[in-house]
């Protein structure tokens, strides 16, 4: 798999995670004591990073024949 396909998968994961992070902030996020969900930027950034990490599981890996 070439680099552009990997980047596309990570980007889609980041965007989906960011949208879900914002939805979480709007519906359930706290505004004072929570460090991750205290601002929309932090919630979207955390969701995006988590989404990109989860999307990484969907990138096929090369299996070595040893």
PDB file of N, CA and C in Angstrom:
ATOM      1  N   UNK A   1       0.859  -1.173   0.000  1.00  0.00           N
ATOM      2  CA  UNK A   1       0.000   0.000   0.000  1.00  0.00           C
ATOM      3  C   UNK A   1       0.899   1.229   0.000  1.00  0.00           C
ATOM      4  N   UNK A   2       0.596   2.142  -0.896  1.00  0.00           N
ATOM      5  CA  UNK A   2       1.457   3.308  -0.997  1.00  0.00           C
ATOM      6  C   UNK A   2       1.084   4.368   0.047  1.00  0.00           C
ATOM      7  N   UNK A   3       1.932   5.339   0.161  1.00  0.00           N
ATOM      8  CA  UNK A   3       1.805   6.347   1.216  1.00  0.00           C
ATOM      9  C   UNK A   3       0.538   7.185   1.078  1.00  0.00           C
ATOM     10  N   UNK A   4       0.122   7.478  -0.150  1.00  0.00           N
ATOM     11  CA  UNK A   4      -1.057   8.328  -0.320  1.00  0.00           C
ATOM     12  C   UNK A   4      -2.323   7.644   0.184  1.00  0.00           C
ATOM     13  N   UNK A   5      -2.440   6.327   0.028  1.00  0.00           N
ATOM     14  CA  UNK A   5      -3.604   5.605   0.546  1.00  0.00           C
ATOM     15  C   UNK A   5      -3.587   5.578   2.072  1.00  0.00           C
ATOM     16  N   UNK A   6      -2.404   5.419   2.646  1.00  0.00           N
ATOM     17  CA  UNK A   6      -2.290   5.437   4.106  1.00  0.00           C
ATOM     18  C   UNK A   6      -2.688   6.797   4.661  1.00  0.00           C
ATOM     19  N   UNK A   7      -2.197   7.858   4.011  1.00  0.00           N
ATOM     20  CA  UNK A   7      -2.549   9.202   4.463  1.00  0.00           C
ATOM     21  C   UNK A   7      -4.044   9.465   4.333  1.00  0.00           C
ATOM     22  N   UNK A   8      -4.652   8.958   3.271  1.00  0.00           N
ATOM     23  CA  UNK A   8      -6.089   9.126   3.091  1.00  0.00           C
ATOM     24  C   UNK A   8      -6.871   8.412   4.196  1.00  0.00           C
ATOM     25  N   UNK A   9      -6.460   7.215   4.554  1.00  0.00           N
ATOM     26  CA  UNK A   9      -7.126   6.483   5.636  1.00  0.00           C
ATOM     27  C   UNK A   9      -6.959   7.218   6.962  1.00  0.00           C
ATOM     28  N   UNK A  10      -5.750   7.729   7.231  1.00  0.00           N
ATOM     29  CA  UNK A  10      -5.529   8.487   8.470  1.00  0.00           C
ATOM     30  C   UNK A  10      -6.348   9.773   8.481  1.00  0.00           C
ATOM     31  N   UNK A  11      -6.424  10.443   7.336  1.00  0.00           N
ATOM     32  CA  UNK A  11      -7.185  11.681   7.246  1.00  0.00           C
ATOM     33  C   UNK A  11      -8.675  11.443   7.470  1.00  0.00           C
ATOM     34  N   UNK A  12      -9.205  10.401   6.870  1.00  0.00           N
ATOM     35  CA  UNK A  12     -10.615  10.072   7.086  1.00  0.00           C
ATOM     36  C   UNK A  12     -10.855   9.735   8.552  1.00  0.00           C
ATOM     37  N   UNK A  13      -9.960   8.969   9.148  1.00  0.00           N
ATOM     38  CA  UNK A  13     -10.086   8.649  10.573  1.00  0.00           C
ATOM     39  C   UNK A  13     -10.027   9.887  11.440  1.00  0.00           C
ATOM     40  N   UNK A  14      -9.117  10.814  11.093  1.00  0.00           N
ATOM     41  CA  UNK A  14      -8.998  12.050  11.854  1.00  0.00           C
ATOM     42  C   UNK A  14     -10.262  12.899  11.729  1.00  0.00           C
ATOM     43  N   UNK A  15     -10.799  12.995  10.527  1.00  0.00           N
ATOM     44  CA  UNK A  15     -12.012  13.795  10.319  1.00  0.00           C
ATOM     45  C   UNK A  15     -13.226  13.198  11.034  1.00  0.00           C
ATOM     46  N   UNK A  16     -13.393  11.892  10.923  1.00  0.00           N
ATOM     47  CA  UNK A  16     -14.516  11.241  11.603  1.00  0.00           C
ATOM     48  C   UNK A  16     -14.362  11.375  13.113  1.00  0.00           C
ATOM     49  N   UNK A  17     -13.163  11.159  13.619  1.00  0.00           N
ATOM     50  CA  UNK A  17     -12.912  11.312  15.052  1.00  0.00           C
ATOM     51  C   UNK A  17     -13.128  12.739  15.522  1.00  0.00           C
ATOM     52  N   UNK A  18     -12.726  13.709  14.706  1.00  0.00           N
ATOM     53  CA  UNK A  18     -12.928  15.108  15.058  1.00  0.00           C
ATOM     54  C   UNK A  18     -14.396  15.470  15.135  1.00  0.00           C
ATOM     55  N   UNK A  19     -15.171  14.993  14.175  1.00  0.00           N
ATOM     56  CA  UNK A  19     -16.618  15.256  14.195  1.00  0.00           C
ATOM     57  C   UNK A  19     -17.250  14.604  15.427  1.00  0.00           C
ATOM     58  N   UNK A  20     -16.864  13.374  15.712  1.00  0.00           N
ATOM     59  CA  UNK A  20     -17.414  12.700  16.893  1.00  0.00           C
ATOM     60  C   UNK A  20     -16.958  13.373  18.187  1.00  0.00           C
ATOM     61  N   UNK A  21     -15.736  13.901  18.201  1.00  0.00           N
ATOM     62  CA  UNK A  21     -15.270  14.647  19.368  1.00  0.00           C
ATOM     63  C   UNK A  21     -16.086  15.904  19.588  1.00  0.00           C
ATOM     64  N   UNK A  22     -16.434  16.592  18.501  1.00  0.00           N
ATOM     65  CA  UNK A  22     -17.261  17.795  18.622  1.00  0.00           C
ATOM     66  C   UNK A  22     -18.679  17.447  19.078  1.00  0.00           C
ATOM     67  N   UNK A  23     -19.224  16.380  18.546  1.00  0.00           N
ATOM     68  CA  UNK A  23     -20.558  15.929  18.977  1.00  0.00           C
ATOM     69  C   UNK A  23     -20.525  15.578  20.460  1.00  0.00           C
ATOM     70  N   UNK A  24     -19.453  14.930  20.893  1.00  0.00           N
ATOM     71  CA  UNK A  24     -19.318  14.611  22.315  1.00  0.00           C
ATOM     72  C   UNK A  24     -19.277  15.891  23.149  1.00  0.00           C
ATOM     73  N   UNK A  25     -18.526  16.885  22.693  1.00  0.00           N
ATOM     74  CA  UNK A  25     -18.433  18.152  23.431  1.00  0.00           C
ATOM     75  C   UNK A  25     -19.802  18.824  23.537  1.00  0.00           C
ATOM     76  N   UNK A  26     -20.542  18.857  22.441  1.00  0.00           N
ATOM     77  CA  UNK A  26     -21.847  19.519  22.429  1.00  0.00           C
ATOM     78  C   UNK A  26     -22.840  18.801  23.340  1.00  0.00           C
ATOM     79  N   UNK A  27     -22.845  17.481  23.325  1.00  0.00           N
ATOM     80  CA  UNK A  27     -23.872  16.730  24.058  1.00  0.00           C
ATOM     81  C   UNK A  27     -23.493  16.372  25.487  1.00  0.00           C
ATOM     82  N   UNK A  28     -22.236  15.982  25.727  1.00  0.00           N
ATOM     83  CA  UNK A  28     -21.886  15.453  27.038  1.00  0.00           C
ATOM     84  C   UNK A  28     -20.661  16.089  27.680  1.00  0.00           C
ATOM     85  N   UNK A  29     -19.918  16.875  26.979  1.00  0.00           N
ATOM     86  CA  UNK A  29     -18.665  17.421  27.503  1.00  0.00           C
ATOM     87  C   UNK A  29     -18.879  18.351  28.681  1.00  0.00           C
ATOM     88  N   UNK A  30     -17.968  18.322  29.616  1.00  0.00           N
ATOM     89  CA  UNK A  30     -18.057  19.227  30.750  1.00  0.00           C
ATOM     90  C   UNK A  30     -17.258  20.495  30.441  1.00  0.00           C
ATOM     91  N   UNK A  31     -17.513  21.545  31.187  1.00  0.00           N
ATOM     92  CA  UNK A  31     -16.908  22.828  30.857  1.00  0.00           C
ATOM     93  C   UNK A  31     -15.883  23.307  31.884  1.00  0.00           C
ATOM     94  N   UNK A  32     -15.677  22.584  32.956  1.00  0.00           N
ATOM     95  CA  UNK A  32     -14.764  23.120  33.959  1.00  0.00           C
ATOM     96  C   UNK A  32     -13.637  22.161  34.319  1.00  0.00           C
ATOM     97  N   UNK A  33     -13.938  21.014  34.858  1.00  0.00           N
ATOM     98  CA  UNK A  33     -12.891  20.184  35.450  1.00  0.00           C
ATOM     99  C   UNK A  33     -12.270  19.162  34.492  1.00  0.00           C
ATOM    100  N   UNK A  34     -12.887  18.892  33.380  1.00  0.00           N
ATOM    101  CA  UNK A  34     -12.346  17.907  32.439  1.00  0.00           C
ATOM    102  C   UNK A  34     -11.278  18.554  31.567  1.00  0.00           C
ATOM    103  N   UNK A  35     -10.115  17.975  31.532  1.00  0.00           N
ATOM    104  CA  UNK A  35      -9.043  18.590  30.751  1.00  0.00           C
ATOM    105  C   UNK A  35      -9.211  18.371  29.250  1.00  0.00           C
ATOM    106  N   UNK A  36      -9.730  17.225  28.847  1.00  0.00           N
ATOM    107  CA  UNK A  36      -9.845  16.932  27.420  1.00  0.00           C
ATOM    108  C   UNK A  36     -11.064  17.614  26.810  1.00  0.00           C
ATOM    109  N   UNK A  37     -12.179  17.618  27.499  1.00  0.00           N
ATOM    110  CA  UNK A  37     -13.416  18.127  26.899  1.00  0.00           C
ATOM    111  C   UNK A  37     -13.801  19.507  27.415  1.00  0.00           C
ATOM    112  N   UNK A  38     -12.866  20.264  27.950  1.00  0.00           N
ATOM    113  CA  UNK A  38     -13.218  21.574  28.490  1.00  0.00           C
ATOM    114  C   UNK A  38     -13.411  22.621  27.398  1.00  0.00           C
ATOM    115  N   UNK A  39     -12.790  22.438  26.244  1.00  0.00           N
ATOM    116  CA  UNK A  39     -12.979  23.363  25.114  1.00  0.00           C
ATOM    117  C   UNK A  39     -13.275  22.546  23.862  1.00  0.00           C
ATOM    118  N   UNK A  40     -13.966  23.134  22.882  1.00  0.00           N
ATOM    119  CA  UNK A  40     -14.238  22.379  21.657  1.00  0.00           C
ATOM    120  C   UNK A  40     -12.964  21.989  20.904  1.00  0.00           C
ATOM    121  N   UNK A  41     -11.942  22.849  20.932  1.00  0.00           N
ATOM    122  CA  UNK A  41     -10.701  22.531  20.234  1.00  0.00           C
ATOM    123  C   UNK A  41     -10.050  21.278  20.804  1.00  0.00           C
ATOM    124  N   UNK A  42      -9.972  21.180  22.118  1.00  0.00           N
ATOM    125  CA  UNK A  42      -9.354  20.012  22.741  1.00  0.00           C
ATOM    126  C   UNK A  42     -10.158  18.746  22.450  1.00  0.00           C
ATOM    127  N   UNK A  43     -11.468  18.866  22.482  1.00  0.00           N
ATOM    128  CA  UNK A  43     -12.314  17.710  22.230  1.00  0.00           C
ATOM    129  C   UNK A  43     -12.181  17.235  20.787  1.00  0.00           C
ATOM    130  N   UNK A  44     -12.153  18.167  19.829  1.00  0.00           N
ATOM    131  CA  UNK A  44     -11.999  17.806  18.420  1.00  0.00           C
ATOM    132  C   UNK A  44     -10.605  17.236  18.166  1.00  0.00           C
ATOM    133  N   UNK A  45      -9.572  17.830  18.746  1.00  0.00           N
ATOM    134  CA  UNK A  45      -8.208  17.339  18.555  1.00  0.00           C
ATOM    135  C   UNK A  45      -8.051  15.936  19.128  1.00  0.00           C
ATOM    136  N   UNK A  46      -8.563  15.707  20.326  1.00  0.00           N
ATOM    137  CA  UNK A  46      -8.468  14.389  20.939  1.00  0.00           C
ATOM    138  C   UNK A  46      -9.239  13.360  20.114  1.00  0.00           C
ATOM    139  N   UNK A  47     -10.438  13.715  19.678  1.00  0.00           N
ATOM    140  CA  UNK A  47     -11.224  12.802  18.856  1.00  0.00           C
ATOM    141  C   UNK A  47     -10.541  12.505  17.531  1.00  0.00           C
ATOM    142  N   UNK A  48      -9.926  13.522  16.935  1.00  0.00           N
ATOM    143  CA  UNK A  48      -9.234  13.324  15.670  1.00  0.00           C
ATOM    144  C   UNK A  48      -8.025  12.419  15.799  1.00  0.00           C
ATOM    145  N   UNK A  49      -7.253  12.619  16.829  1.00  0.00           N
ATOM    146  CA  UNK A  49      -6.071  11.768  17.045  1.00  0.00           C
ATOM    147  C   UNK A  49      -6.492  10.337  17.332  1.00  0.00           C
ATOM    148  N   UNK A  50      -7.502  10.189  18.154  1.00  0.00           N
ATOM    149  CA  UNK A  50      -7.997   8.847  18.463  1.00  0.00           C
ATOM    150  C   UNK A  50      -8.574   8.189  17.212  1.00  0.00           C
ATOM    151  N   UNK A  51      -9.283   8.956  16.395  1.00  0.00           N
ATOM    152  CA  UNK A  51      -9.826   8.417  15.148  1.00  0.00           C
ATOM    153  C   UNK A  51      -8.732   7.981  14.187  1.00  0.00           C
ATOM    154  N   UNK A  52      -7.657   8.754  14.086  1.00  0.00           N
ATOM    155  CA  UNK A  52      -6.543   8.384  13.208  1.00  0.00           C
ATOM    156  C   UNK A  52      -5.859   7.117  13.711  1.00  0.00           C
ATOM    157  N   UNK A  53      -5.729   6.983  15.023  1.00  0.00           N
ATOM    158  CA  UNK A  53      -5.115   5.769  15.571  1.00  0.00           C
ATOM    159  C   UNK A  53      -5.986   4.543  15.321  1.00  0.00           C
ATOM    160  N   UNK A  54      -7.289   4.709  15.446  1.00  0.00           N
ATOM    161  CA  UNK A  54      -8.195   3.589  15.179  1.00  0.00           C
ATOM    162  C   UNK A  54      -8.182   3.248  13.688  1.00  0.00           C
ATOM    163  N   UNK A  55      -8.141   4.263  12.829  1.00  0.00           N
ATOM    164  CA  UNK A  55      -8.104   4.027  11.382  1.00  0.00           C
ATOM    165  C   UNK A  55      -6.835   3.286  10.974  1.00  0.00           C
ATOM    166  N   UNK A  56      -5.766   3.437  11.735  1.00  0.00           N
ATOM    167  CA  UNK A  56      -4.511   2.750  11.435  1.00  0.00           C
ATOM    168  C   UNK A  56      -4.675   1.229  11.472  1.00  0.00           C
ATOM    169  N   UNK A  57      -5.636   0.741  12.226  1.00  0.00           N
ATOM    170  CA  UNK A  57      -5.880  -0.705  12.275  1.00  0.00           C
ATOM    171  C   UNK A  57      -6.422  -1.227  10.946  1.00  0.00           C
ATOM    172  N   UNK A  58      -6.983  -0.362  10.117  1.00  0.00           N
ATOM    173  CA  UNK A  58      -7.562  -0.789   8.854  1.00  0.00           C
ATOM    174  C   UNK A  58      -6.573  -0.749   7.693  1.00  0.00           C
ATOM    175  N   UNK A  59      -5.326  -0.366   7.966  1.00  0.00           N
ATOM    176  CA  UNK A  59      -4.292  -0.365   6.933  1.00  0.00           C
ATOM    177  C   UNK A  59      -3.683  -1.757   6.889  1.00  0.00           C
ATOM    178  N   UNK A  60      -3.732  -2.403   5.713  1.00  0.00           N
ATOM    179  CA  UNK A  60      -3.173  -3.756   5.635  1.00  0.00           C
ATOM    180  C   UNK A  60      -1.664  -3.762   5.860  1.00  0.00           C
ATOM    181  N   UNK A  61      -1.199  -4.764   6.525  1.00  0.00           N
ATOM    182  CA  UNK A  61       0.230  -4.919   6.815  1.00  0.00           C
ATOM    183  C   UNK A  61       0.814  -6.004   5.929  1.00  0.00           C
ATOM    184  N   UNK A  62       2.079  -5.863   5.575  1.00  0.00           N
ATOM    185  CA  UNK A  62       2.775  -6.906   4.821  1.00  0.00           C
ATOM    186  C   UNK A  62       3.180  -8.023   5.761  1.00  0.00           C
ATOM    187  N   UNK A  63       2.856  -9.233   5.376  1.00  0.00           N
ATOM    188  CA  UNK A  63       3.235 -10.394   6.183  1.00  0.00           C
ATOM    189  C   UNK A  63       4.491 -11.010   5.589  1.00  0.00           C
ATOM    190  N   UNK A  64       5.490 -11.197   6.423  1.00  0.00           N
ATOM    191  CA  UNK A  64       6.740 -11.794   5.939  1.00  0.00           C
ATOM    192  C   UNK A  64       6.613 -13.326   5.962  1.00  0.00           C
ATOM    193  N   UNK A  65       7.230 -13.959   5.001  1.00  0.00           N
ATOM    194  CA  UNK A  65       7.214 -15.437   4.930  1.00  0.00           C
ATOM    195  C   UNK A  65       8.514 -15.962   5.506  1.00  0.00           C
ATOM    196  N   UNK A  66       8.559 -16.148   6.812  1.00  0.00           N
ATOM    197  CA  UNK A  66       9.782 -16.657   7.409  1.00  0.00           C
ATOM    198  C   UNK A  66       9.612 -18.052   7.922  1.00  0.00           C
TER     199      UNK A  66
END
